All heavy atoms as atom14 arrays in JSON, in Angstrom:
{
  "sequence": "PGALTRSAPFGLLVGWDPGLVLQLALECAAQSHGHPAARLAAGAYALL",
  "atom14_mask": [
    [1, 1, 1, 1, 1, 1, 1, 0, 0, 0, 0, 0, 0, 0],
    [1, 1, 1, 1, 0, 0, 0, 0, 0, 0, 0, 0, 0, 0],
    [1, 1, 1, 1, 1, 0, 0, 0, 0, 0, 0, 0, 0, 0],
    [1, 1, 1, 1, 1, 1, 1, 1, 0, 0, 0, 0, 0, 0],
    [1, 1, 1, 1, 1, 1, 1, 0, 0, 0, 0, 0, 0, 0],
    [1, 1, 1, 1, 1, 1, 1, 1, 1, 1, 1, 0, 0, 0],
    [1, 1, 1, 1, 1, 1, 0, 0, 0, 0, 0, 0, 0, 0],
    [1, 1, 1, 1, 1, 0, 0, 0, 0, 0, 0, 0, 0, 0],
    [1, 1, 1, 1, 1, 1, 1, 0, 0, 0, 0, 0, 0, 0],
    [1, 1, 1, 1, 1, 1, 1, 1, 1, 1, 1, 0, 0, 0],
    [1, 1, 1, 1, 0, 0, 0, 0, 0, 0, 0, 0, 0, 0],
    [1, 1, 1, 1, 1, 1, 1, 1, 0, 0, 0, 0, 0, 0],
    [1, 1, 1, 1, 1, 1, 1, 1, 0, 0, 0, 0, 0, 0],
    [1, 1, 1, 1, 1, 1, 1, 0, 0, 0, 0, 0, 0, 0],
    [1, 1, 1, 1, 0, 0, 0, 0, 0, 0, 0, 0, 0, 0],
    [1, 1, 1, 1, 1, 1, 1, 1, 1, 1, 1, 1, 1, 1],
    [1, 1, 1, 1, 1, 1, 1, 1, 0, 0, 0, 0, 0, 0],
    [1, 1, 1, 1, 1, 1, 1, 0, 0, 0, 0, 0, 0, 0],
    [1, 1, 1, 1, 0, 0, 0, 0, 0, 0, 0, 0, 0, 0],
    [1, 1, 1, 1, 1, 1, 1, 1, 0, 0, 0, 0, 0, 0],
    [1, 1, 1, 1, 1, 1, 1, 0, 0, 0, 0, 0, 0, 0],
    [1, 1, 1, 1, 1, 1, 1, 1, 0, 0, 0, 0, 0, 0],
    [1, 1, 1, 1, 1, 1, 1, 1, 1, 0, 0, 0, 0, 0],
    [1, 1, 1, 1, 1, 1, 1, 1, 0, 0, 0, 0, 0, 0],
    [1, 1, 1, 1, 1, 0, 0, 0, 0, 0, 0, 0, 0, 0],
    [1, 1, 1, 1, 1, 1, 1, 1, 0, 0, 0, 0, 0, 0],
    [1, 1, 1, 1, 1, 1, 1, 1, 1, 0, 0, 0, 0, 0],
    [1, 1, 1, 1, 1, 1, 0, 0, 0, 0, 0, 0, 0, 0],
    [1, 1, 1, 1, 1, 0, 0, 0, 0, 0, 0, 0, 0, 0],
    [1, 1, 1, 1, 1, 0, 0, 0, 0, 0, 0, 0, 0, 0],
    [1, 1, 1, 1, 1, 1, 1, 1, 1, 0, 0, 0, 0, 0],
    [1, 1, 1, 1, 1, 1, 0, 0, 0, 0, 0, 0, 0, 0],
    [1, 1, 1, 1, 1, 1, 1, 1, 1, 1, 0, 0, 0, 0],
    [1, 1, 1, 1, 0, 0, 0, 0, 0, 0, 0, 0, 0, 0],
    [1, 1, 1, 1, 1, 1, 1, 1, 1, 1, 0, 0, 0, 0],
    [1, 1, 1, 1, 1, 1, 1, 0, 0, 0, 0, 0, 0, 0],
    [1, 1, 1, 1, 1, 0, 0, 0, 0, 0, 0, 0, 0, 0],
    [1, 1, 1, 1, 1, 0, 0, 0, 0, 0, 0, 0, 0, 0],
    [1, 1, 1, 1, 1, 1, 1, 1, 1, 1, 1, 0, 0, 0],
    [1, 1, 1, 1, 1, 1, 1, 1, 0, 0, 0, 0, 0, 0],
    [1, 1, 1, 1, 1, 0, 0, 0, 0, 0, 0, 0, 0, 0],
    [1, 1, 1, 1, 1, 0, 0, 0, 0, 0, 0, 0, 0, 0],
    [1, 1, 1, 1, 0, 0, 0, 0, 0, 0, 0, 0, 0, 0],
    [1, 1, 1, 1, 1, 0, 0, 0, 0, 0, 0, 0, 0, 0],
    [1, 1, 1, 1, 1, 1, 1, 1, 1, 1, 1, 1, 0, 0],
    [1, 1, 1, 1, 1, 0, 0, 0, 0, 0, 0, 0, 0, 0],
    [1, 1, 1, 1, 1, 1, 1, 1, 0, 0, 0, 0, 0, 0],
    [1, 1, 1, 1, 1, 1, 1, 1, 0, 0, 0, 0, 0, 0]
  ],
  "atom14_positions": [
    [[80.18, 91.91, -15.02], [80.15, 92.39, -16.4], [79.68, 91.37, -17.44], [79.54, 91.7, -18.6], [81.62, 92.75, -16.67], [82.39, 91.79, -15.82], [81.55, 91.63, -14.57], [0.0, 0.0, 0.0], [0.0, 0.0, 0.0], [0.0, 0.0, 0.0], [0.0, 0.0, 0.0], [0.0, 0.0, 0.0], [0.0, 0.0, 0.0], [0.0, 0.0, 0.0]],
    [[79.42, 90.13, -17.04], [79.11, 89.08, -18.01], [77.91, 89.38, -18.89], [77.93, 89.09, -20.09], [0.0, 0.0, 0.0], [0.0, 0.0, 0.0], [0.0, 0.0, 0.0], [0.0, 0.0, 0.0], [0.0, 0.0, 0.0], [0.0, 0.0, 0.0], [0.0, 0.0, 0.0], [0.0, 0.0, 0.0], [0.0, 0.0, 0.0], [0.0, 0.0, 0.0]],
    [[76.85, 89.93, -18.35], [75.66, 90.23, -19.16], [75.95, 91.35, -20.15], [75.48, 91.32, -21.29], [74.49, 90.62, -18.26], [0.0, 0.0, 0.0], [0.0, 0.0, 0.0], [0.0, 0.0, 0.0], [0.0, 0.0, 0.0], [0.0, 0.0, 0.0], [0.0, 0.0, 0.0], [0.0, 0.0, 0.0], [0.0, 0.0, 0.0], [0.0, 0.0, 0.0]],
    [[76.73, 92.32, -19.73], [77.08, 93.43, -20.62], [77.95, 92.96, -21.77], [77.7, 93.28, -22.93], [77.8, 94.53, -19.82], [78.23, 95.73, -20.65], [77.93, 97.0, -19.91], [79.71, 95.63, -20.96], [0.0, 0.0, 0.0], [0.0, 0.0, 0.0], [0.0, 0.0, 0.0], [0.0, 0.0, 0.0], [0.0, 0.0, 0.0], [0.0, 0.0, 0.0]],
    [[78.97, 92.17, -21.47], [79.94, 91.81, -22.51], [79.35, 90.92, -23.59], [79.87, 90.9, -24.7], [81.17, 91.12, -21.91], [80.76, 89.95, -21.2], [81.92, 92.05, -20.98], [0.0, 0.0, 0.0], [0.0, 0.0, 0.0], [0.0, 0.0, 0.0], [0.0, 0.0, 0.0], [0.0, 0.0, 0.0], [0.0, 0.0, 0.0], [0.0, 0.0, 0.0]],
    [[78.26, 90.22, -23.31], [77.66, 89.38, -24.34], [76.46, 90.05, -25.0], [75.76, 89.43, -25.8], [77.27, 88.02, -23.76], [76.16, 88.06, -22.75], [75.77, 86.65, -22.31], [74.56, 86.68, -21.55], [74.49, 86.73, -20.23], [75.58, 86.72, -19.51], [73.31, 86.75, -19.63], [0.0, 0.0, 0.0], [0.0, 0.0, 0.0], [0.0, 0.0, 0.0]],
    [[76.19, 91.33, -24.7], [74.99, 91.99, -25.24], [75.23, 92.73, -26.55], [74.26, 93.16, -27.17], [74.4, 92.93, -24.2], [75.26, 94.02, -23.97], [0.0, 0.0, 0.0], [0.0, 0.0, 0.0], [0.0, 0.0, 0.0], [0.0, 0.0, 0.0], [0.0, 0.0, 0.0], [0.0, 0.0, 0.0], [0.0, 0.0, 0.0], [0.0, 0.0, 0.0]],
    [[76.45, 92.87, -27.0], [76.71, 93.58, -28.26], [75.96, 92.96, -29.45], [75.42, 93.71, -30.27], [78.21, 93.64, -28.54], [0.0, 0.0, 0.0], [0.0, 0.0, 0.0], [0.0, 0.0, 0.0], [0.0, 0.0, 0.0], [0.0, 0.0, 0.0], [0.0, 0.0, 0.0], [0.0, 0.0, 0.0], [0.0, 0.0, 0.0], [0.0, 0.0, 0.0]],
    [[75.89, 91.63, -29.59], [75.17, 91.07, -30.74], [73.72, 91.51, -30.84], [73.18, 91.63, -31.95], [75.28, 89.56, -30.53], [76.56, 89.39, -29.78], [76.59, 90.58, -28.83], [0.0, 0.0, 0.0], [0.0, 0.0, 0.0], [0.0, 0.0, 0.0], [0.0, 0.0, 0.0], [0.0, 0.0, 0.0], [0.0, 0.0, 0.0], [0.0, 0.0, 0.0]],
    [[73.06, 91.8, -29.72], [71.68, 92.28, -29.8], [71.61, 93.6, -30.55], [70.66, 93.88, -31.27], [71.07, 92.43, -28.4], [71.09, 91.18, -27.59], [71.71, 91.15, -26.35], [70.5, 90.02, -28.05], [71.73, 90.0, -25.59], [70.52, 88.85, -27.3], [71.15, 88.84, -26.06], [0.0, 0.0, 0.0], [0.0, 0.0, 0.0], [0.0, 0.0, 0.0]],
    [[72.62, 94.43, -30.37], [72.66, 95.71, -31.04], [72.84, 95.61, -32.54], [72.57, 96.57, -33.27], [0.0, 0.0, 0.0], [0.0, 0.0, 0.0], [0.0, 0.0, 0.0], [0.0, 0.0, 0.0], [0.0, 0.0, 0.0], [0.0, 0.0, 0.0], [0.0, 0.0, 0.0], [0.0, 0.0, 0.0], [0.0, 0.0, 0.0], [0.0, 0.0, 0.0]],
    [[73.29, 94.46, -33.01], [73.49, 94.28, -34.45], [72.19, 93.94, -35.19], [72.2, 93.8, -36.41], [74.54, 93.2, -34.7], [75.93, 93.53, -34.13], [76.88, 92.36, -34.34], [76.48, 94.81, -34.75], [0.0, 0.0, 0.0], [0.0, 0.0, 0.0], [0.0, 0.0, 0.0], [0.0, 0.0, 0.0], [0.0, 0.0, 0.0], [0.0, 0.0, 0.0]],
    [[71.11, 93.86, -34.48], [69.8, 93.62, -35.1], [69.27, 94.94, -35.63], [68.3, 95.5, -35.14], [68.85, 93.0, -34.07], [69.31, 91.67, -33.47], [68.45, 91.28, -32.28], [69.31, 90.58, -34.52], [0.0, 0.0, 0.0], [0.0, 0.0, 0.0], [0.0, 0.0, 0.0], [0.0, 0.0, 0.0], [0.0, 0.0, 0.0], [0.0, 0.0, 0.0]],
    [[69.94, 95.45, -36.66], [69.68, 96.82, -37.12], [68.28, 97.01, -37.7], [67.77, 98.12, -37.72], [70.75, 97.28, -38.14], [72.09, 97.42, -37.47], [70.82, 96.35, -39.33], [0.0, 0.0, 0.0], [0.0, 0.0, 0.0], [0.0, 0.0, 0.0], [0.0, 0.0, 0.0], [0.0, 0.0, 0.0], [0.0, 0.0, 0.0], [0.0, 0.0, 0.0]],
    [[67.64, 95.96, -38.15], [66.29, 96.08, -38.67], [65.24, 96.16, -37.58], [64.07, 96.39, -37.86], [0.0, 0.0, 0.0], [0.0, 0.0, 0.0], [0.0, 0.0, 0.0], [0.0, 0.0, 0.0], [0.0, 0.0, 0.0], [0.0, 0.0, 0.0], [0.0, 0.0, 0.0], [0.0, 0.0, 0.0], [0.0, 0.0, 0.0], [0.0, 0.0, 0.0]],
    [[65.64, 95.96, -36.36], [64.71, 95.95, -35.24], [64.54, 97.34, -34.66], [65.44, 98.17, -34.71], [65.23, 95.04, -34.14], [65.1, 93.58, -34.41], [65.13, 92.95, -35.63], [64.94, 92.56, -33.45], [65.01, 91.61, -35.47], [64.89, 91.33, -34.13], [64.85, 92.56, -32.08], [64.74, 90.12, -33.48], [64.71, 91.34, -31.42], [64.64, 90.14, -32.12]],
    [[63.39, 97.56, -34.07], [63.12, 98.77, -33.33], [64.03, 98.8, -32.09], [64.22, 97.75, -31.45], [61.65, 98.77, -32.9], [61.3, 99.98, -32.06], [61.14, 101.06, -32.64], [61.21, 99.82, -30.81], [0.0, 0.0, 0.0], [0.0, 0.0, 0.0], [0.0, 0.0, 0.0], [0.0, 0.0, 0.0], [0.0, 0.0, 0.0], [0.0, 0.0, 0.0]],
    [[64.59, 99.95, -31.73], [65.47, 100.01, -30.56], [64.8, 99.49, -29.28], [65.47, 98.9, -28.43], [65.82, 101.49, -30.43], [65.66, 102.03, -31.81], [64.55, 101.24, -32.44], [0.0, 0.0, 0.0], [0.0, 0.0, 0.0], [0.0, 0.0, 0.0], [0.0, 0.0, 0.0], [0.0, 0.0, 0.0], [0.0, 0.0, 0.0], [0.0, 0.0, 0.0]],
    [[63.5, 99.69, -29.14], [62.81, 99.18, -27.96], [62.85, 97.67, -27.88], [62.99, 97.09, -26.79], [0.0, 0.0, 0.0], [0.0, 0.0, 0.0], [0.0, 0.0, 0.0], [0.0, 0.0, 0.0], [0.0, 0.0, 0.0], [0.0, 0.0, 0.0], [0.0, 0.0, 0.0], [0.0, 0.0, 0.0], [0.0, 0.0, 0.0], [0.0, 0.0, 0.0]],
    [[62.75, 96.99, -29.02], [62.83, 95.52, -29.03], [64.24, 95.06, -28.72], [64.44, 94.05, -28.03], [62.38, 94.97, -30.39], [60.9, 95.11, -30.7], [60.61, 94.66, -32.13], [60.07, 94.31, -29.71], [0.0, 0.0, 0.0], [0.0, 0.0, 0.0], [0.0, 0.0, 0.0], [0.0, 0.0, 0.0], [0.0, 0.0, 0.0], [0.0, 0.0, 0.0]],
    [[65.25, 95.77, -29.23], [66.64, 95.44, -28.93], [66.88, 95.55, -27.43], [67.47, 94.66, -26.8], [67.61, 96.35, -29.71], [69.03, 96.2, -29.23], [67.51, 96.08, -31.21], [0.0, 0.0, 0.0], [0.0, 0.0, 0.0], [0.0, 0.0, 0.0], [0.0, 0.0, 0.0], [0.0, 0.0, 0.0], [0.0, 0.0, 0.0], [0.0, 0.0, 0.0]],
    [[66.4, 96.63, -26.84], [66.55, 96.83, -25.4], [65.85, 95.72, -24.62], [66.43, 95.13, -23.7], [65.99, 98.19, -25.0], [65.96, 98.48, -23.5], [67.37, 98.53, -22.93], [65.24, 99.8, -23.23], [0.0, 0.0, 0.0], [0.0, 0.0, 0.0], [0.0, 0.0, 0.0], [0.0, 0.0, 0.0], [0.0, 0.0, 0.0], [0.0, 0.0, 0.0]],
    [[64.62, 95.41, -24.99], [63.85, 94.37, -24.3], [64.58, 93.02, -24.36], [64.69, 92.32, -23.35], [62.46, 94.24, -24.92], [61.57, 93.21, -24.25], [61.15, 93.6, -22.85], [61.12, 94.78, -22.5], [60.81, 92.62, -22.03], [0.0, 0.0, 0.0], [0.0, 0.0, 0.0], [0.0, 0.0, 0.0], [0.0, 0.0, 0.0], [0.0, 0.0, 0.0]],
    [[65.09, 92.66, -25.53], [65.78, 91.39, -25.68], [67.05, 91.35, -24.84], [67.33, 90.36, -24.16], [66.1, 91.13, -27.15], [66.81, 89.81, -27.46], [66.01, 88.62, -26.96], [67.06, 89.7, -28.95], [0.0, 0.0, 0.0], [0.0, 0.0, 0.0], [0.0, 0.0, 0.0], [0.0, 0.0, 0.0], [0.0, 0.0, 0.0], [0.0, 0.0, 0.0]],
    [[67.82, 92.42, -24.85], [69.05, 92.47, -24.04], [68.73, 92.35, -22.56], [69.42, 91.64, -21.82], [69.82, 93.76, -24.33], [0.0, 0.0, 0.0], [0.0, 0.0, 0.0], [0.0, 0.0, 0.0], [0.0, 0.0, 0.0], [0.0, 0.0, 0.0], [0.0, 0.0, 0.0], [0.0, 0.0, 0.0], [0.0, 0.0, 0.0], [0.0, 0.0, 0.0]],
    [[67.68, 93.03, -22.11], [67.29, 92.95, -20.69], [66.84, 91.54, -20.31], [67.23, 91.01, -19.27], [66.16, 93.94, -20.4], [66.5, 95.44, -20.5], [65.23, 96.27, -20.34], [67.54, 95.83, -19.48], [0.0, 0.0, 0.0], [0.0, 0.0, 0.0], [0.0, 0.0, 0.0], [0.0, 0.0, 0.0], [0.0, 0.0, 0.0], [0.0, 0.0, 0.0]],
    [[66.02, 90.93, -21.18], [65.53, 89.58, -20.88], [66.66, 88.57, -20.85], [66.67, 87.67, -19.99], [64.47, 89.17, -21.91], [63.15, 89.9, -21.73], [62.08, 89.39, -22.67], [61.99, 88.16, -22.87], [61.33, 90.22, -23.19], [0.0, 0.0, 0.0], [0.0, 0.0, 0.0], [0.0, 0.0, 0.0], [0.0, 0.0, 0.0], [0.0, 0.0, 0.0]],
    [[67.6, 88.68, -21.76], [68.7, 87.71, -21.79], [69.71, 87.96, -20.68], [70.33, 87.02, -20.18], [69.35, 87.72, -23.17], [68.25, 87.02, -24.43], [0.0, 0.0, 0.0], [0.0, 0.0, 0.0], [0.0, 0.0, 0.0], [0.0, 0.0, 0.0], [0.0, 0.0, 0.0], [0.0, 0.0, 0.0], [0.0, 0.0, 0.0], [0.0, 0.0, 0.0]],
    [[69.87, 89.2, -20.25], [70.74, 89.49, -19.11], [70.18, 88.86, -17.85], [70.93, 88.35, -17.0], [70.9, 91.0, -18.94], [0.0, 0.0, 0.0], [0.0, 0.0, 0.0], [0.0, 0.0, 0.0], [0.0, 0.0, 0.0], [0.0, 0.0, 0.0], [0.0, 0.0, 0.0], [0.0, 0.0, 0.0], [0.0, 0.0, 0.0], [0.0, 0.0, 0.0]],
    [[68.85, 88.87, -17.7], [68.2, 88.32, -16.5], [68.41, 86.82, -16.37], [68.18, 86.25, -15.3], [66.7, 88.62, -16.55], [0.0, 0.0, 0.0], [0.0, 0.0, 0.0], [0.0, 0.0, 0.0], [0.0, 0.0, 0.0], [0.0, 0.0, 0.0], [0.0, 0.0, 0.0], [0.0, 0.0, 0.0], [0.0, 0.0, 0.0], [0.0, 0.0, 0.0]],
    [[68.89, 86.17, -17.42], [69.12, 84.73, -17.36], [70.32, 84.37, -16.5], [70.47, 83.22, -16.09], [69.3, 84.19, -18.78], [68.06, 84.33, -19.62], [68.27, 83.87, -21.05], [69.29, 83.31, -21.39], [67.28, 84.12, -21.88], [0.0, 0.0, 0.0], [0.0, 0.0, 0.0], [0.0, 0.0, 0.0], [0.0, 0.0, 0.0], [0.0, 0.0, 0.0]],
    [[71.19, 85.36, -16.22], [72.36, 85.07, -15.39], [72.7, 86.18, -14.4], [73.37, 85.93, -13.41], [73.59, 84.82, -16.27], [73.89, 85.98, -17.02], [0.0, 0.0, 0.0], [0.0, 0.0, 0.0], [0.0, 0.0, 0.0], [0.0, 0.0, 0.0], [0.0, 0.0, 0.0], [0.0, 0.0, 0.0], [0.0, 0.0, 0.0], [0.0, 0.0, 0.0]],
    [[72.26, 87.39, -14.66], [72.6, 88.54, -13.83], [71.32, 89.27, -13.42], [70.74, 90.0, -14.21], [73.52, 89.51, -14.6], [74.88, 88.95, -14.82], [75.12, 87.91, -15.7], [76.07, 89.3, -14.29], [76.41, 87.64, -15.69], [77.01, 88.46, -14.84], [0.0, 0.0, 0.0], [0.0, 0.0, 0.0], [0.0, 0.0, 0.0], [0.0, 0.0, 0.0]],
    [[70.9, 89.05, -12.18], [69.62, 89.57, -11.75], [69.62, 91.0, -11.25], [68.58, 91.63, -11.17], [0.0, 0.0, 0.0], [0.0, 0.0, 0.0], [0.0, 0.0, 0.0], [0.0, 0.0, 0.0], [0.0, 0.0, 0.0], [0.0, 0.0, 0.0], [0.0, 0.0, 0.0], [0.0, 0.0, 0.0], [0.0, 0.0, 0.0], [0.0, 0.0, 0.0]],
    [[70.76, 91.54, -10.9], [70.79, 92.91, -10.36], [70.38, 93.9, -11.46], [70.83, 93.79, -12.6], [72.19, 93.24, -9.84], [72.21, 94.44, -8.96], [72.22, 95.72, -9.47], [72.19, 94.56, -7.61], [72.23, 96.59, -8.47], [72.22, 95.91, -7.33], [0.0, 0.0, 0.0], [0.0, 0.0, 0.0], [0.0, 0.0, 0.0], [0.0, 0.0, 0.0]],
    [[69.53, 94.87, -11.12], [69.1, 95.85, -12.12], [70.26, 96.58, -12.82], [70.18, 96.87, -14.01], [68.24, 96.83, -11.32], [67.77, 96.06, -10.14], [68.86, 95.08, -9.83], [0.0, 0.0, 0.0], [0.0, 0.0, 0.0], [0.0, 0.0, 0.0], [0.0, 0.0, 0.0], [0.0, 0.0, 0.0], [0.0, 0.0, 0.0], [0.0, 0.0, 0.0]],
    [[71.34, 96.86, -12.09], [72.48, 97.55, -12.7], [73.09, 96.72, -13.82], [73.46, 97.26, -14.87], [73.54, 97.87, -11.65], [0.0, 0.0, 0.0], [0.0, 0.0, 0.0], [0.0, 0.0, 0.0], [0.0, 0.0, 0.0], [0.0, 0.0, 0.0], [0.0, 0.0, 0.0], [0.0, 0.0, 0.0], [0.0, 0.0, 0.0], [0.0, 0.0, 0.0]],
    [[73.19, 95.41, -13.64], [73.76, 94.54, -14.67], [72.83, 94.47, -15.88], [73.29, 94.55, -17.03], [74.01, 93.15, -14.1], [0.0, 0.0, 0.0], [0.0, 0.0, 0.0], [0.0, 0.0, 0.0], [0.0, 0.0, 0.0], [0.0, 0.0, 0.0], [0.0, 0.0, 0.0], [0.0, 0.0, 0.0], [0.0, 0.0, 0.0], [0.0, 0.0, 0.0]],
    [[71.55, 94.32, -15.63], [70.59, 94.23, -16.73], [70.54, 95.53, -17.52], [70.54, 95.53, -18.76], [69.21, 93.86, -16.19], [69.19, 92.47, -15.57], [67.79, 91.96, -15.29], [66.83, 92.94, -14.82], [66.54, 93.15, -13.54], [67.13, 92.46, -12.6], [65.63, 94.04, -13.21], [0.0, 0.0, 0.0], [0.0, 0.0, 0.0], [0.0, 0.0, 0.0]],
    [[70.49, 96.66, -16.82], [70.42, 97.96, -17.5], [71.7, 98.27, -18.27], [71.66, 98.84, -19.36], [70.1, 99.06, -16.51], [68.68, 98.99, -15.94], [68.49, 100.02, -14.84], [67.65, 99.17, -17.04], [0.0, 0.0, 0.0], [0.0, 0.0, 0.0], [0.0, 0.0, 0.0], [0.0, 0.0, 0.0], [0.0, 0.0, 0.0], [0.0, 0.0, 0.0]],
    [[72.85, 97.86, -17.73], [74.11, 98.06, -18.45], [74.12, 97.26, -19.75], [74.55, 97.75, -20.8], [75.3, 97.67, -17.57], [0.0, 0.0, 0.0], [0.0, 0.0, 0.0], [0.0, 0.0, 0.0], [0.0, 0.0, 0.0], [0.0, 0.0, 0.0], [0.0, 0.0, 0.0], [0.0, 0.0, 0.0], [0.0, 0.0, 0.0], [0.0, 0.0, 0.0]],
    [[73.62, 96.03, -19.68], [73.54, 95.2, -20.88], [72.62, 95.83, -21.92], [72.93, 95.88, -23.11], [73.07, 93.79, -20.52], [0.0, 0.0, 0.0], [0.0, 0.0, 0.0], [0.0, 0.0, 0.0], [0.0, 0.0, 0.0], [0.0, 0.0, 0.0], [0.0, 0.0, 0.0], [0.0, 0.0, 0.0], [0.0, 0.0, 0.0], [0.0, 0.0, 0.0]],
    [[71.47, 96.33, -21.46], [70.54, 96.97, -22.38], [71.1, 98.23, -22.99], [70.95, 98.49, -24.19], [0.0, 0.0, 0.0], [0.0, 0.0, 0.0], [0.0, 0.0, 0.0], [0.0, 0.0, 0.0], [0.0, 0.0, 0.0], [0.0, 0.0, 0.0], [0.0, 0.0, 0.0], [0.0, 0.0, 0.0], [0.0, 0.0, 0.0], [0.0, 0.0, 0.0]],
    [[71.76, 99.04, -22.17], [72.36, 100.29, -22.67], [73.44, 100.0, -23.7], [73.52, 100.67, -24.74], [72.92, 101.11, -21.5], [0.0, 0.0, 0.0], [0.0, 0.0, 0.0], [0.0, 0.0, 0.0], [0.0, 0.0, 0.0], [0.0, 0.0, 0.0], [0.0, 0.0, 0.0], [0.0, 0.0, 0.0], [0.0, 0.0, 0.0], [0.0, 0.0, 0.0]],
    [[74.27, 98.99, -23.43], [75.34, 98.66, -24.37], [74.77, 98.16, -25.7], [75.23, 98.53, -26.77], [76.27, 97.62, -23.75], [77.5, 97.35, -24.58], [78.34, 98.36, -25.01], [77.83, 96.05, -24.93], [79.46, 98.11, -25.75], [78.96, 95.79, -25.67], [79.77, 96.81, -26.09], [80.89, 96.55, -26.84], [0.0, 0.0, 0.0], [0.0, 0.0, 0.0]],
    [[73.72, 97.33, -25.63], [73.07, 96.85, -26.85], [72.52, 98.03, -27.66], [72.65, 98.06, -28.89], [71.96, 95.87, -26.51], [0.0, 0.0, 0.0], [0.0, 0.0, 0.0], [0.0, 0.0, 0.0], [0.0, 0.0, 0.0], [0.0, 0.0, 0.0], [0.0, 0.0, 0.0], [0.0, 0.0, 0.0], [0.0, 0.0, 0.0], [0.0, 0.0, 0.0]],
    [[71.95, 99.02, -26.97], [71.43, 100.2, -27.67], [72.55, 101.04, -28.28], [72.39, 101.59, -29.39], [70.59, 101.06, -26.72], [69.22, 100.51, -26.38], [68.51, 101.4, -25.38], [68.38, 100.33, -27.64], [0.0, 0.0, 0.0], [0.0, 0.0, 0.0], [0.0, 0.0, 0.0], [0.0, 0.0, 0.0], [0.0, 0.0, 0.0], [0.0, 0.0, 0.0]],
    [[73.68, 101.15, -27.6], [74.82, 101.88, -28.17], [75.32, 101.2, -29.43], [75.57, 101.87, -30.45], [75.96, 101.98, -27.15], [75.77, 102.97, -26.01], [76.86, 102.79, -24.96], [75.78, 104.39, -26.55], [0.0, 0.0, 0.0], [0.0, 0.0, 0.0], [0.0, 0.0, 0.0], [0.0, 0.0, 0.0], [0.0, 0.0, 0.0], [0.0, 0.0, 0.0]]
  ]
}
């Protein structure tokens, strides 16, 4: 869960396009959690 739990701040970039928020969350999740499920969970949480 580490990539997901630290991805909320990406979602606070309210002036950004949701696609950029998702991309940033995915890229930063890949820095420690390589499994697609972990990266996608982080991106989904940032979008929520």
